[in-house]
């Protein structure tokens, strides 16, 4: 199973889960991933132990967990 965690300022935390053996679930997760990147979010793959692996620019259906976060702005 793969998991997208989307941090949204207005809607809170959204979780999208896909089964790596179900193409329709992979397609839906990829669509959500790409939508969030187009909206300016950053994506990071995370290992099961919680350690950050790398920033992502393309969906990877084999990722264990992906965190999508809006760009933080200081002021």
N, C-alpha and C. Protein backbone atom coordinates (compact mmCIF):
# COMPACT_ATOMS: atom_id res chain seq x y z
N UNK A 1 0.84 -1.18 0.00
CA UNK A 1 0.00 0.00 0.00
C UNK A 1 0.88 1.24 0.00
N UNK A 2 0.44 2.22 -0.77
CA UNK A 2 1.09 3.51 -0.78
C UNK A 2 0.17 4.53 -0.15
N UNK A 3 0.74 5.64 0.28
CA UNK A 3 -0.06 6.65 0.97
C UNK A 3 0.42 8.05 0.61
N UNK A 4 -0.54 8.92 0.24
CA UNK A 4 -0.29 10.35 0.07
C UNK A 4 -0.86 11.04 1.29
N UNK A 5 -0.11 11.95 1.87
CA UNK A 5 -0.61 12.80 2.95
C UNK A 5 -0.52 14.22 2.44
N UNK A 6 -1.66 14.88 2.34
CA UNK A 6 -1.72 16.23 1.79
C UNK A 6 -2.03 17.19 2.93
N UNK A 7 -1.12 18.13 3.16
CA UNK A 7 -1.30 19.14 4.19
C UNK A 7 -1.97 20.35 3.53
N UNK A 8 -3.21 20.63 3.92
CA UNK A 8 -3.98 21.71 3.31
C UNK A 8 -4.32 22.74 4.38
N UNK A 9 -4.04 24.00 4.09
CA UNK A 9 -4.29 25.07 5.06
C UNK A 9 -5.77 25.20 5.42
N UNK A 10 -6.64 24.93 4.46
CA UNK A 10 -8.07 25.13 4.66
C UNK A 10 -8.82 23.86 5.06
N UNK A 11 -8.41 22.72 4.52
CA UNK A 11 -9.13 21.46 4.73
C UNK A 11 -8.46 20.53 5.72
N UNK A 12 -7.30 20.89 6.21
CA UNK A 12 -6.59 20.03 7.14
C UNK A 12 -5.77 18.97 6.41
N UNK A 13 -5.60 17.84 7.04
CA UNK A 13 -4.77 16.76 6.52
C UNK A 13 -5.65 15.76 5.76
N UNK A 14 -5.32 15.52 4.49
CA UNK A 14 -6.06 14.58 3.66
C UNK A 14 -5.17 13.38 3.37
N UNK A 15 -5.72 12.18 3.48
CA UNK A 15 -4.95 10.97 3.21
C UNK A 15 -5.55 10.24 2.01
N UNK A 16 -4.68 9.87 1.04
CA UNK A 16 -5.07 9.09 -0.12
C UNK A 16 -4.23 7.82 -0.11
N UNK A 17 -4.90 6.66 -0.13
CA UNK A 17 -4.19 5.38 -0.09
C UNK A 17 -4.43 4.64 -1.39
N UNK A 18 -3.39 3.98 -1.90
CA UNK A 18 -3.55 3.15 -3.10
C UNK A 18 -2.91 1.80 -2.90
N UNK A 19 -3.51 0.81 -3.52
CA UNK A 19 -2.99 -0.56 -3.53
C UNK A 19 -2.11 -0.67 -4.77
N UNK A 20 -0.89 -1.07 -4.58
CA UNK A 20 0.08 -1.13 -5.69
C UNK A 20 -0.28 -2.17 -6.75
N UNK A 21 -1.29 -3.01 -6.46
CA UNK A 21 -1.75 -4.02 -7.42
C UNK A 21 -3.05 -3.61 -8.11
N UNK A 22 -3.53 -2.39 -7.86
CA UNK A 22 -4.79 -1.93 -8.44
C UNK A 22 -4.55 -0.68 -9.28
N UNK A 23 -4.47 -0.86 -10.61
CA UNK A 23 -4.16 0.27 -11.50
C UNK A 23 -5.09 1.47 -11.35
N UNK A 24 -6.38 1.25 -11.07
CA UNK A 24 -7.29 2.38 -10.95
C UNK A 24 -6.98 3.22 -9.71
N UNK A 25 -6.52 2.59 -8.64
CA UNK A 25 -6.14 3.33 -7.44
C UNK A 25 -4.83 4.09 -7.66
N UNK A 26 -3.91 3.48 -8.38
CA UNK A 26 -2.65 4.16 -8.72
C UNK A 26 -2.94 5.39 -9.57
N UNK A 27 -3.82 5.23 -10.54
CA UNK A 27 -4.17 6.33 -11.44
C UNK A 27 -4.79 7.49 -10.66
N UNK A 28 -5.68 7.20 -9.72
CA UNK A 28 -6.32 8.23 -8.91
C UNK A 28 -5.30 8.95 -8.02
N UNK A 29 -4.39 8.20 -7.42
CA UNK A 29 -3.36 8.80 -6.57
C UNK A 29 -2.42 9.68 -7.39
N UNK A 30 -2.07 9.21 -8.57
CA UNK A 30 -1.19 9.99 -9.46
C UNK A 30 -1.86 11.28 -9.89
N UNK A 31 -3.14 11.20 -10.18
CA UNK A 31 -3.90 12.39 -10.59
C UNK A 31 -3.90 13.42 -9.45
N UNK A 32 -4.14 12.97 -8.23
CA UNK A 32 -4.14 13.87 -7.07
C UNK A 32 -2.74 14.45 -6.85
N UNK A 33 -1.71 13.63 -6.97
CA UNK A 33 -0.32 14.07 -6.83
C UNK A 33 -0.02 15.19 -7.83
N UNK A 34 -0.33 14.96 -9.09
CA UNK A 34 -0.04 15.94 -10.13
C UNK A 34 -0.84 17.23 -9.94
N UNK A 35 -2.09 17.11 -9.49
CA UNK A 35 -2.91 18.29 -9.22
C UNK A 35 -2.26 19.16 -8.14
N UNK A 36 -1.79 18.53 -7.09
CA UNK A 36 -1.19 19.28 -6.00
C UNK A 36 0.13 19.95 -6.42
N UNK A 37 0.93 19.25 -7.23
CA UNK A 37 2.16 19.88 -7.73
C UNK A 37 1.84 21.10 -8.57
N UNK A 38 0.81 21.01 -9.41
CA UNK A 38 0.41 22.15 -10.25
C UNK A 38 -0.09 23.31 -9.40
N UNK A 39 -0.61 23.01 -8.20
CA UNK A 39 -1.07 24.05 -7.29
C UNK A 39 0.06 24.61 -6.43
N UNK A 40 1.29 24.21 -6.71
CA UNK A 40 2.45 24.77 -6.02
C UNK A 40 2.92 24.00 -4.80
N UNK A 41 2.38 22.82 -4.57
CA UNK A 41 2.81 22.02 -3.44
C UNK A 41 4.16 21.35 -3.71
N UNK A 42 4.87 21.02 -2.65
CA UNK A 42 6.11 20.26 -2.74
C UNK A 42 5.82 18.84 -2.25
N UNK A 43 6.46 17.87 -2.88
CA UNK A 43 6.24 16.47 -2.52
C UNK A 43 7.54 15.85 -2.03
N UNK A 44 7.42 15.04 -0.97
CA UNK A 44 8.57 14.35 -0.40
C UNK A 44 8.20 12.90 -0.15
N UNK A 45 9.07 11.99 -0.55
CA UNK A 45 8.85 10.59 -0.19
C UNK A 45 9.44 10.37 1.20
N UNK A 46 8.78 9.53 1.97
CA UNK A 46 9.19 9.26 3.34
C UNK A 46 9.23 7.75 3.54
N UNK A 47 10.24 7.27 4.22
CA UNK A 47 10.34 5.85 4.51
C UNK A 47 9.42 5.48 5.68
N UNK A 48 9.13 4.21 5.84
CA UNK A 48 8.23 3.75 6.91
C UNK A 48 8.71 4.16 8.29
N UNK A 49 10.01 4.26 8.47
CA UNK A 49 10.53 4.64 9.78
C UNK A 49 10.40 6.14 10.04
N UNK A 50 9.86 6.89 9.06
CA UNK A 50 9.62 8.32 9.23
C UNK A 50 10.74 9.19 8.70
N UNK A 51 11.84 8.61 8.30
CA UNK A 51 12.94 9.42 7.78
C UNK A 51 12.61 9.91 6.37
N UNK A 52 13.01 11.14 6.09
CA UNK A 52 12.77 11.71 4.76
C UNK A 52 13.71 11.07 3.77
N UNK A 53 13.21 10.75 2.60
CA UNK A 53 14.03 10.13 1.58
C UNK A 53 14.48 11.16 0.56
N UNK A 54 13.51 11.80 -0.15
CA UNK A 54 13.89 12.77 -1.17
C UNK A 54 12.69 13.56 -1.63
N UNK A 55 12.97 14.73 -2.22
CA UNK A 55 11.90 15.51 -2.83
C UNK A 55 11.52 14.84 -4.15
N UNK A 56 10.24 14.88 -4.47
CA UNK A 56 9.73 14.22 -5.67
C UNK A 56 9.19 15.26 -6.65
N UNK A 57 9.42 15.01 -7.93
CA UNK A 57 8.80 15.84 -8.97
C UNK A 57 7.90 15.01 -9.86
N UNK A 58 7.94 13.69 -9.69
CA UNK A 58 7.09 12.77 -10.44
C UNK A 58 6.54 11.72 -9.48
N UNK A 59 5.31 11.28 -9.75
CA UNK A 59 4.68 10.27 -8.91
C UNK A 59 5.41 8.94 -9.03
N UNK A 60 5.61 8.29 -7.90
CA UNK A 60 6.23 6.96 -7.87
C UNK A 60 5.27 6.02 -7.15
N UNK A 61 4.64 5.14 -7.91
CA UNK A 61 3.64 4.23 -7.34
C UNK A 61 4.23 3.27 -6.31
N UNK A 62 5.56 3.13 -6.30
CA UNK A 62 6.21 2.23 -5.36
C UNK A 62 6.59 2.91 -4.05
N UNK A 63 6.36 4.21 -3.97
CA UNK A 63 6.69 4.94 -2.74
C UNK A 63 5.83 4.43 -1.59
N UNK A 64 6.42 4.37 -0.42
CA UNK A 64 5.68 3.93 0.76
C UNK A 64 4.73 5.02 1.24
N UNK A 65 5.27 6.23 1.35
CA UNK A 65 4.48 7.36 1.84
C UNK A 65 5.00 8.62 1.18
N UNK A 66 4.07 9.49 0.77
CA UNK A 66 4.42 10.76 0.13
C UNK A 66 3.71 11.86 0.90
N UNK A 67 4.45 12.88 1.27
CA UNK A 67 3.87 14.04 1.94
C UNK A 67 3.88 15.20 0.96
N UNK A 68 2.70 15.81 0.78
CA UNK A 68 2.56 17.00 -0.07
C UNK A 68 2.25 18.18 0.83
N UNK A 69 3.04 19.22 0.70
CA UNK A 69 2.90 20.38 1.58
C UNK A 69 2.98 21.66 0.76
N UNK A 70 2.15 22.66 1.13
CA UNK A 70 2.29 23.96 0.45
C UNK A 70 3.65 24.56 0.81
N UNK A 71 4.13 25.41 -0.07
CA UNK A 71 5.39 26.09 0.19
C UNK A 71 5.19 27.02 1.38
N UNK A 72 6.06 26.93 2.36
CA UNK A 72 5.96 27.80 3.53
C UNK A 72 6.57 29.16 3.22
N UNK A 73 5.89 30.21 3.65
CA UNK A 73 6.37 31.55 3.40
C UNK A 73 6.61 32.25 4.72
N UNK A 74 7.78 32.85 4.83
CA UNK A 74 8.10 33.58 6.04
C UNK A 74 7.78 35.05 5.85
N UNK A 75 7.83 35.77 6.91
CA UNK A 75 7.51 37.18 6.75
C UNK A 75 7.88 37.95 7.89
